[in-house]
Protein backbone atom coordinates (compact mmCIF):
# COMPACT_ATOMS: atom_id res chain seq x y z
CA MET A 1 19.13 20.98 51.80
CA GLU A 2 19.58 19.80 48.21
CA GLN A 3 16.20 18.91 47.96
CA LYS A 4 15.11 22.31 49.12
CA LEU A 5 17.46 23.75 46.36
CA TYR A 6 15.85 21.91 43.67
CA GLU A 7 12.06 22.67 44.86
CA ALA A 8 13.37 26.80 44.50
CA ALA A 9 14.71 25.78 41.31
CA VAL A 10 11.27 24.30 40.00
CA GLU A 11 9.60 27.37 41.35
CA GLY A 12 11.99 29.91 40.44
CA LYS A 13 12.32 31.40 43.81
CA VAL A 14 15.00 33.64 44.44
CA ALA A 15 14.30 34.61 47.88
CA SER A 16 14.24 30.94 48.77
CA LEU A 17 17.74 30.26 47.19
CA GLN A 18 19.10 33.13 49.03
CA ALA A 19 18.11 31.64 52.04
CA ILE A 20 19.59 28.33 51.61
CA LEU A 21 22.67 29.84 50.65
CA GLU A 22 22.94 31.59 53.77
CA GLU A 23 22.35 28.84 55.89
CA ASP A 24 24.55 26.60 53.70
CA GLN A 25 27.20 28.59 51.55
CA LEU A 26 28.46 25.43 49.92
CA VAL A 27 25.20 23.89 48.59
CA LEU A 28 26.04 24.69 44.75
CA GLU A 29 29.52 23.12 45.20
CA ARG A 30 28.30 20.14 46.26
CA ALA A 31 25.66 20.03 43.40
CA MET A 32 28.42 20.16 40.96
CA VAL A 33 29.64 17.17 42.48
CA THR A 34 27.16 15.23 43.78
CA CYS A 35 24.63 15.66 40.84
CA PHE A 36 24.61 13.17 37.98
CA ASN A 37 21.50 14.36 36.00
CA GLU A 38 20.34 18.25 36.15
CA THR A 39 21.60 20.73 38.48
CA PRO A 40 19.24 23.47 39.90
CA LEU A 41 20.79 25.65 37.07
CA HIS A 42 19.81 22.85 34.25
CA ILE A 43 16.20 23.13 36.01
CA ALA A 44 15.55 26.91 36.05
CA ALA A 45 16.75 27.13 32.55
CA MET A 46 14.85 24.58 31.36
CA CYS A 47 11.60 26.51 33.29
CA GLY A 48 12.59 29.90 32.04
CA HIS A 49 13.39 31.55 35.86
CA THR A 50 15.50 34.04 34.65
CA ASP A 51 16.53 35.91 37.77
CA PHE A 52 17.30 32.38 39.67
CA VAL A 53 19.35 31.62 36.61
CA LYS A 54 20.99 34.77 36.94
CA GLU A 55 21.44 34.58 40.85
CA ILE A 56 22.83 31.40 40.62
CA LEU A 57 25.57 32.40 37.83
CA GLY A 58 26.47 35.19 40.16
CA ARG A 59 27.42 32.78 42.95
CA LYS A 60 28.53 29.78 41.13
CA SER A 61 28.92 30.72 37.13
CA GLY A 62 30.97 27.06 36.91
CA LEU A 63 27.46 25.48 36.78
CA ALA A 64 27.03 26.68 33.00
CA GLY A 65 29.10 24.15 31.96
CA GLU A 66 27.76 21.19 33.57
CA LEU A 67 26.11 18.49 31.74
CA ASP A 68 23.16 15.98 32.28
CA LEU A 69 22.79 12.54 31.47
CA GLN A 70 22.09 13.61 27.89
CA GLN A 71 24.82 15.33 27.79
CA SER A 72 22.89 18.62 27.51
CA SER A 73 24.00 22.25 29.32
CA PRO A 74 21.66 24.43 30.62
CA LEU A 75 22.14 26.48 27.73
CA HIS A 76 20.96 23.55 25.55
CA LEU A 77 17.96 23.80 27.39
CA ALA A 78 17.38 27.67 27.47
CA SER A 79 17.87 27.22 23.68
CA ALA A 80 15.38 24.47 22.67
CA ASN A 81 12.76 26.05 24.89
CA GLY A 82 13.10 29.56 23.69
CA HIS A 83 14.48 31.78 26.63
CA VAL A 84 16.47 34.22 24.83
CA GLU A 85 17.36 36.39 28.51
CA ILE A 86 18.77 33.07 30.02
CA VAL A 87 20.68 31.88 26.83
CA LYS A 88 22.48 35.76 26.97
CA ALA A 89 23.28 35.02 30.68
CA LEU A 90 24.42 31.77 29.92
CA PHE A 91 26.71 32.66 27.17
CA LEU A 92 28.26 35.45 29.12
CA ALA A 93 28.87 32.67 31.62
CA ASN A 94 30.54 30.06 29.36
CA PRO A 95 30.56 31.43 25.94
CA ASP A 96 32.36 27.83 24.84
CA MET A 97 28.74 25.89 25.47
CA CYS A 98 27.75 27.25 22.30
CA LEU A 99 30.27 24.50 20.34
CA VAL A 100 29.32 21.77 23.04
CA GLY A 101 27.22 18.95 21.30
CA ASP A 102 24.55 16.98 23.41
CA GLY A 103 24.64 13.09 23.19
CA GLU A 104 23.46 13.33 19.44
CA GLY A 105 26.04 15.69 18.43
CA ARG A 106 23.51 18.96 18.39
CA ASN A 107 24.94 22.23 19.94
CA PRO A 108 22.70 24.92 21.18
CA LEU A 109 21.95 26.28 17.99
CA HIS A 110 20.98 23.16 16.27
CA LEU A 111 18.46 23.02 19.07
CA ALA A 112 17.23 26.60 18.52
CA ALA A 113 16.81 25.95 14.89
CA MET A 114 15.13 22.80 15.15
CA LYS A 115 12.51 24.04 17.62
CA GLY A 116 11.87 27.03 15.64
CA ARG A 117 13.36 29.53 18.21
CA VAL A 118 14.06 32.25 15.97
CA ASP A 119 15.09 35.07 18.41
CA VAL A 120 17.39 32.63 20.17
CA LEU A 121 19.09 31.46 17.10
CA ARG A 122 19.44 35.27 15.88
CA GLU A 123 21.00 35.70 19.51
CA LEU A 124 23.58 32.65 19.01
CA LEU A 125 24.30 33.23 15.38
CA ARG A 126 25.48 36.80 16.52
CA VAL A 127 28.13 35.67 19.15
CA ARG A 128 28.93 32.33 17.87
CA LEU A 129 28.20 32.28 13.83
CA ASN A 130 30.94 29.57 13.11
CA ALA A 131 29.11 26.85 15.72
CA ALA A 132 26.31 26.90 12.67
CA ARG A 133 28.79 24.99 10.65
CA ASP A 134 28.75 22.24 12.89
CA ARG A 135 27.64 18.83 11.77
CA VAL A 136 25.99 16.10 13.67
CA ASP A 137 25.08 12.38 13.54
CA HIS A 138 24.97 11.31 9.89
CA GLY A 139 26.85 14.07 8.69
CA GLU A 140 23.75 16.59 8.57
CA THR A 141 24.06 19.99 8.76
CA ILE A 142 21.86 22.73 11.04
CA LEU A 143 19.91 23.17 7.38
CA HIS A 144 19.15 19.80 7.38
CA LEU A 145 17.61 19.59 11.09
CA CYS A 146 15.55 22.64 10.13
CA VAL A 147 14.12 20.77 7.10
CA LYS A 148 13.33 17.50 8.56
CA GLN A 149 11.52 19.47 11.77
CA ASN A 150 9.74 21.38 8.71
CA GLN A 151 11.16 25.10 10.45
CA LEU A 152 11.10 27.65 7.30
CA GLY A 153 11.60 30.58 9.75
CA THR A 154 15.18 29.34 11.23
CA LEU A 155 15.77 28.03 7.65
CA ARG A 156 15.13 31.54 6.35
CA LEU A 157 17.28 33.19 8.86
CA LEU A 158 20.14 30.92 8.45
CA THR A 159 20.33 31.15 4.76
CA GLU A 160 20.15 35.09 5.34
CA THR A 161 22.65 35.03 7.66
CA LEU A 162 25.24 32.65 6.60
CA ASN A 163 25.23 33.56 2.75
CA ASP A 164 27.03 30.63 1.84
CA HIS A 165 26.04 28.67 -1.63
CA GLN A 166 28.46 25.99 -1.18
CA PHE A 167 27.23 25.11 2.67
CA PHE A 168 23.65 25.51 1.14
CA ASN A 169 24.25 22.62 -1.03
CA SER A 170 25.87 20.54 1.48
CA THR A 171 24.94 16.81 1.74
CA ASP A 172 24.56 14.23 4.63
CA ASP A 173 26.55 10.97 4.54
CA PHE A 174 23.57 9.37 2.26
CA GLY A 175 24.34 12.21 -0.40
CA ASN A 176 21.02 13.98 0.15
CA SER A 177 20.79 17.70 0.12
CA ILE A 178 18.32 20.10 2.01
CA LEU A 179 16.27 19.61 -1.27
CA HIS A 180 16.23 15.88 -1.52
CA LEU A 181 14.80 16.15 2.17
CA ALA A 182 11.98 18.75 1.45
CA VAL A 183 10.82 16.94 -1.50
CA SER A 184 10.85 13.73 0.43
CA HIS A 185 8.84 15.31 3.20
CA LYS A 186 6.34 17.17 0.47
CA GLN A 187 7.22 20.53 2.25
CA ILE A 188 6.06 22.63 -1.22
CA GLN A 189 6.79 26.10 0.85
CA THR A 190 10.43 24.88 1.91
CA ILE A 191 10.83 23.89 -1.88
CA ARG A 192 9.74 26.94 -3.55
CA TYR A 193 11.93 28.96 -1.21
CA LEU A 194 14.88 26.89 -1.67
CA VAL A 195 14.72 26.77 -5.77
CA THR A 196 13.77 30.58 -5.78
CA SER A 197 15.64 32.33 -2.92
CA VAL A 198 18.39 30.30 -2.03
CA GLY A 199 19.35 28.94 -5.38
CA VAL A 200 20.40 25.41 -4.49
CA ASN A 201 21.08 23.05 -7.01
CA VAL A 202 18.03 20.95 -8.32
CA ASN A 203 19.93 18.33 -10.27
CA ALA A 204 21.99 17.27 -7.19
CA ILE A 205 22.43 13.27 -6.98
CA ASN A 206 22.31 11.53 -3.52
CA ALA A 207 24.36 8.19 -2.85
CA ASN A 208 21.41 6.50 -4.58
CA GLY A 209 21.43 7.65 -7.92
CA LEU A 210 18.27 10.17 -7.37
CA THR A 211 17.86 13.73 -7.91
CA ALA A 212 15.02 15.76 -5.92
CA LEU A 213 12.87 14.71 -9.00
CA ASP A 214 13.39 11.32 -8.88
CA ILE A 215 12.46 11.12 -5.40
CA LEU A 216 9.27 12.89 -6.33
CA ALA A 217 8.47 10.44 -8.96
CA GLN A 218 9.04 7.56 -6.39
CA SER A 219 7.14 8.92 -3.50
CA GLY A 220 4.01 7.85 -2.67
CA ARG A 221 0.92 10.02 -4.52
CA ASP A 222 -0.14 13.25 -2.76
CA VAL A 223 -2.33 16.25 -3.76
CA LYS A 224 0.92 18.30 -3.15
CA ASP A 225 2.74 16.61 -5.96
CA PHE A 226 1.56 18.81 -8.87
CA ASP A 227 2.55 21.82 -7.13
CA ILE A 228 5.98 20.20 -6.14
CA ALA A 229 6.03 19.72 -9.98
CA ASP A 230 5.73 22.68 -11.25
CA CYS A 231 8.30 24.19 -8.93
CA LEU A 232 10.88 21.96 -9.77
CA ARG A 233 10.00 22.45 -13.48
CA GLU A 234 10.34 26.07 -13.72
CA ALA A 235 13.96 25.39 -11.70
CA GLU A 236 14.75 23.07 -14.67
CA ALA A 237 14.97 20.04 -12.57
CA LEU A 238 15.96 17.05 -14.25
CA ARG A 239 15.89 12.99 -13.62
CA ALA A 240 19.08 11.49 -13.15
CA ARG A 241 18.97 9.32 -16.20
CA ASP A 242 18.67 12.71 -18.16
CA ILE A 243 21.70 14.22 -16.60
CA ASN A 244 24.91 14.67 -18.53
CA PRO A 245 27.44 14.72 -16.20
CA THR A 246 29.57 17.28 -18.46
CA PHE A 247 27.24 19.55 -19.95
CA LEU A 248 23.73 20.31 -18.87
CA SER A 249 21.97 21.99 -21.89
CA LYS A 250 18.77 23.94 -21.30
CA ASN A 251 17.07 22.75 -24.62
CA GLN A 252 17.76 19.06 -23.26
CA THR A 253 14.79 17.00 -23.61
CA ARG A 254 12.53 16.95 -20.37
CA VAL A 255 11.18 13.81 -19.23
CA PRO A 256 7.33 14.18 -17.76
CA ILE A 257 7.97 14.92 -13.79
CA LEU A 258 4.82 12.69 -12.84
CA ALA A 259 4.60 9.54 -14.56
CA LYS A 260 1.21 7.84 -14.83
CA LEU A 261 1.24 4.78 -12.45
CA THR A 262 0.99 1.34 -14.49
CA GLN A 263 -1.52 -1.10 -13.71
CA SER A 264 1.47 -3.03 -11.84
CA GLU A 265 2.58 -0.24 -9.84
CA TRP A 266 -1.26 0.31 -8.97
CA LEU A 267 -1.69 -3.01 -7.75
CA GLU A 268 1.63 -2.99 -5.74
CA LYS A 269 0.47 0.27 -4.13
CA LYS A 270 -2.90 -1.16 -3.32
CA ARG A 271 -2.02 -4.63 -2.16
CA ASP A 272 -2.75 -3.87 1.66
CA ILE A 273 -5.81 -2.14 0.59
CA LEU A 274 -6.66 -5.41 -1.41
CA MET A 275 -5.83 -7.61 1.27
CA VAL A 276 -8.26 -5.75 4.12
CA VAL A 277 -11.07 -5.77 1.64
CA ALA A 278 -10.41 -9.34 0.98
CA SER A 279 -10.48 -10.27 4.86
CA LEU A 280 -13.50 -8.08 5.35
CA ILE A 281 -15.73 -9.92 2.70
CA ALA A 282 -14.20 -13.63 3.88
CA THR A 283 -15.39 -12.21 7.72
CA MET A 284 -18.75 -11.19 6.10
CA SER A 285 -19.39 -14.27 4.31
CA PHE A 286 -18.22 -16.60 7.48
CA GLN A 287 -20.71 -14.71 9.70
CA ALA A 288 -23.49 -15.26 7.09
CA GLY A 289 -22.84 -18.94 6.73
CA VAL A 290 -22.86 -19.31 10.77
CA SER A 291 -25.69 -17.10 11.21
CA PRO A 292 -28.10 -17.16 8.31
CA PRO A 293 -30.74 -14.87 8.06
CA GLY A 294 -33.70 -15.91 10.44
CA GLY A 295 -31.34 -17.52 12.77
CA VAL A 296 -31.44 -21.07 13.64
CA TRP A 297 -33.99 -23.23 15.69
CA GLN A 298 -33.28 -23.18 19.37
CA ASP A 299 -34.86 -26.20 20.31
CA ASP A 300 -35.43 -30.19 18.53
CA SER A 301 -38.97 -30.80 17.10
CA GLU A 302 -39.74 -34.37 16.38
CA GLY A 303 -40.05 -35.23 12.64
CA LYS A 304 -39.51 -31.27 11.61
CA HIS A 305 -35.86 -30.09 12.40
CA ARG A 306 -33.20 -29.83 15.04
CA ALA A 307 -31.75 -27.44 17.05
CA GLY A 308 -28.87 -25.50 15.44
CA GLU A 309 -30.53 -25.90 11.92
CA ALA A 310 -31.12 -22.76 9.64
CA VAL A 311 -34.83 -21.68 9.72
CA MET A 312 -34.15 -20.47 6.16
CA ALA A 313 -33.76 -23.60 4.95
CA TYR A 314 -37.21 -24.83 5.99
CA ASN A 315 -38.94 -21.69 5.68
CA TYR A 316 -37.56 -20.82 1.95
CA PRO A 317 -36.29 -24.10 0.36
CA ASP A 318 -36.02 -22.71 -2.86
CA SER A 319 -33.96 -19.70 -1.87
CA TYR A 320 -31.77 -21.25 0.87
CA PRO A 321 -29.83 -23.31 -1.46
CA TYR A 322 -28.85 -20.42 -3.81
CA PHE A 323 -28.07 -18.29 -0.72
CA LEU A 324 -25.68 -21.20 0.60
CA ARG A 325 -23.89 -21.23 -2.88
CA PHE A 326 -23.43 -17.71 -3.33
CA ASN A 327 -21.97 -17.26 0.25
CA THR A 328 -19.63 -20.10 -0.03
CA ILE A 329 -18.07 -18.73 -3.37
CA SER A 330 -17.57 -15.30 -1.70
CA PHE A 331 -15.86 -16.92 1.07
CA VAL A 332 -13.52 -18.98 -1.06
CA THR A 333 -12.90 -16.67 -3.38
CA SER A 334 -11.80 -14.20 -0.98
CA LEU A 335 -9.80 -16.56 1.04
CA SER A 336 -8.06 -17.03 -2.63
CA THR A 337 -7.47 -13.59 -2.98
CA ILE A 338 -5.57 -13.38 0.52
CA LEU A 339 -3.43 -16.57 -0.38
CA LEU A 340 -2.49 -14.96 -3.58
CA LEU A 341 -1.59 -11.59 -1.97
CA MET A 342 0.36 -13.56 0.59
CA SER A 343 1.96 -15.88 -1.85
CA GLY A 344 4.40 -13.39 -3.57
CA LEU A 345 3.63 -14.17 -7.17
CA PRO A 346 4.89 -11.71 -9.90
CA PHE A 347 1.51 -9.53 -10.10
CA LYS A 348 3.22 -7.55 -12.80
CA ARG A 349 2.57 -9.93 -15.03
CA LYS A 350 -0.72 -9.12 -16.94
CA THR A 351 -1.86 -13.21 -16.72
CA PHE A 352 -1.55 -13.21 -12.86
CA MET A 353 -3.33 -9.82 -12.78
CA TRP A 354 -6.35 -11.16 -14.88
CA ILE A 355 -6.60 -14.04 -12.76
CA LEU A 356 -6.63 -11.63 -9.75
CA MET A 357 -9.51 -9.63 -11.62
CA VAL A 358 -11.67 -12.48 -11.83
CA ILE A 359 -11.59 -13.75 -8.34
CA MET A 360 -12.59 -10.38 -7.33
CA TRP A 361 -15.23 -10.28 -9.62
CA LEU A 362 -16.41 -13.53 -8.59
CA THR A 363 -16.15 -12.33 -4.78
CA ILE A 364 -18.02 -9.20 -5.31
CA THR A 365 -20.94 -10.41 -7.47
CA SER A 366 -21.01 -13.59 -5.02
CA ILE A 367 -21.40 -11.17 -2.00
CA SER A 368 -23.93 -9.06 -3.54
CA LEU A 369 -26.29 -12.11 -4.66
CA THR A 370 -25.82 -13.21 -1.02
CA TYR A 371 -27.33 -9.98 -0.11
CA ALA A 372 -29.93 -9.96 -2.49
CA PHE A 373 -31.45 -13.28 -1.06
CA THR A 374 -31.16 -12.01 2.44
CA ILE A 375 -32.67 -8.96 1.81
CA VAL A 376 -35.80 -10.98 0.17
CA VAL A 377 -35.79 -13.50 3.16
CA ILE A 378 -36.07 -10.69 6.09
CA THR A 379 -38.41 -8.52 4.44
CA PRO A 380 -42.16 -8.98 5.23
CA VAL A 381 -44.68 -10.39 2.85
CA LYS A 382 -46.65 -7.31 2.18
CA ASP A 383 -43.22 -5.20 0.85
CA ARG A 384 -41.69 -8.10 -1.01
CA GLU A 385 -43.23 -7.75 -4.19
CA PRO A 386 -41.98 -4.46 -5.17
CA LEU A 387 -38.59 -4.76 -3.55
CA SER A 388 -38.12 -8.15 -5.53
CA HIS A 389 -38.65 -6.43 -8.89
CA VAL A 390 -35.87 -3.54 -7.75
CA ILE A 391 -33.14 -6.42 -6.80
CA LYS A 392 -33.97 -8.43 -9.73
CA ILE A 393 -33.06 -5.20 -12.00
CA ALA A 394 -30.19 -4.16 -10.00
CA VAL A 395 -28.53 -7.82 -9.82
CA ILE A 396 -28.93 -7.97 -13.77
CA VAL A 397 -27.82 -4.56 -14.07
CA TRP A 398 -24.66 -5.51 -11.84
CA CYS A 399 -23.86 -8.89 -13.81
CA CYS A 400 -24.08 -6.66 -17.22
CA VAL A 401 -21.53 -4.38 -16.10
CA MET A 402 -19.20 -7.16 -14.73
CA THR A 403 -19.49 -9.11 -17.57
CA LEU A 404 -18.89 -6.41 -19.78
CA LEU A 405 -15.53 -5.19 -17.68
CA LEU A 406 -14.30 -9.06 -17.55
CA LEU A 407 -15.09 -9.56 -21.59
CA GLY A 408 -13.15 -6.23 -21.92
CA HIS A 409 -10.26 -6.85 -19.90
CA THR A 410 -9.86 -10.27 -21.23
CA ILE A 411 -10.04 -9.21 -25.00
CA ARG A 412 -7.19 -6.94 -24.14
CA LEU A 413 -5.17 -9.61 -22.61
CA ILE A 414 -5.68 -12.10 -25.47
CA GLU A 415 -5.06 -9.19 -28.07
CA ARG A 416 -1.83 -8.40 -26.31
CA TRP A 417 -0.53 -11.98 -26.23
CA LEU A 418 -1.30 -12.06 -29.75
CA ARG A 419 0.80 -9.08 -30.71
CA SER A 420 3.57 -10.43 -28.69
CA ARG A 421 3.85 -13.45 -31.11
CA GLY A 422 3.39 -11.01 -34.28
CA ILE A 423 -0.27 -11.68 -34.93
CA PHE A 424 -2.35 -8.17 -35.18
CA ILE A 425 -6.10 -8.59 -34.81
CA TRP A 426 -6.61 -4.85 -35.89
CA PRO A 427 -3.96 -2.79 -37.70
CA SER A 428 -2.04 0.01 -36.12
CA PRO A 429 -2.39 3.46 -37.52
CA THR A 430 1.55 3.23 -38.27
CA THR A 431 0.70 -0.02 -40.34
CA THR A 432 -2.02 1.36 -42.16
CA THR A 433 -0.34 4.59 -42.97
CA THR A 434 2.85 2.71 -43.93
CA ALA A 435 0.92 0.18 -46.05
CA SER A 436 -0.84 3.19 -47.78
CA ASN A 437 2.36 4.89 -48.55
CA LEU A 438 3.93 2.17 -50.10
CA ASN A 439 0.80 1.45 -52.42
CA HIS A 440 0.74 5.02 -53.45
CA ALA A 441 4.52 4.75 -54.28
CA ASN A 442 4.10 1.61 -56.37
CA ALA A 443 1.06 3.26 -58.43
CA ASN A 444 3.44 6.03 -59.04
CA LYS A 445 6.17 3.67 -60.28
CA GLU A 446 3.86 1.93 -62.60
CA ALA A 447 2.56 5.24 -64.15
CA HIS A 448 5.94 6.16 -64.45
CA GLN A 449 6.85 2.81 -66.52
CA ILE A 450 3.77 3.26 -68.85
CA GLN A 451 4.62 6.57 -69.79
CA MET A 452 8.37 5.62 -70.60
CA PRO A 453 8.81 4.55 -74.60
């Protein structure tokens, strides 16, 4: 009989429910005692069968207070799924269920806000406004849940209904306000709404000592960053290091919101990409080494070749050694790059960065030359002459560009090393200006002494 009751709840057939109750009047009472997961009311509320829910509540209203294995009541399920009429019926049957939290401490208002059920949330706020102030695990408010789920609609409804500035600036157990979360998730519309309409504290500091502006500066770069930065700048947001705890002056010096990435920071962020590129080049070099252009001989030939030897070594004896050398260089340098990236060396140092740059220069140049020899070998003789000229020009230009870049970085590294020891190759503008001013002052002093009797 209980199985028929559950089937009727899934399909929402009121007539079947009435027939079952006429046959067994205690079936709903047994469901309250024997059901350890969803009751028929849970199923009907979740599926949105309004008439079925009202029929059960009319016969056994106590089912509205039953919880499933996740500690969710039928009101929780109806709220999360946006069934407004069912929410009204369940609330009338047991109003206290608005205050009951599920296994994660979320009451029906929390679930409606997280799922963006504006109509359901409006109805629950009308009858149980204080339930919106309950906190869930980690001290998060209902506003935190809205921002985490990117539900701007329910966030607007809550701020307009509650109208509590102190509650809007509430923080979780980690000290994060809703603005911290919005900036962390790059929700530009939510950020603009919070700083313009809600008036949250843009300079609130979380438990890690970070303001919303600090979180933006430390987050991964995104196309939305400039819009977020402009929005925070207009709201006079500051970095934590620039905040005076006793007084915030509107004329206080502002710091750049989006500081440019230094070369070391760029390398830290691109470490994974460099690892993938080096691994790919190593794979290509290994494949080219064991399977050279033209393949290998498939059989032995007395006095000529053996099976497994490269065909290119016999047909192109002049080009094959160069092909093998450059391919080996690209393979070894790519493996060296992988080893350096995995070694944990302090790549924030310019010297190590220069070493890595030289290795990558050798890797890319060598694989390019390997490609050039491969193309020449597999190209028919009739097309080889014009193609060889193009390849020669391309290789020369490539080597020239790479050499210039290598020389430029090397000169800059040497210049910084000498400058750190007080040796200046080129005088700085400040030094030139100072020397000019001193010469001018000395000239004036000498002229004054000459005029004196």
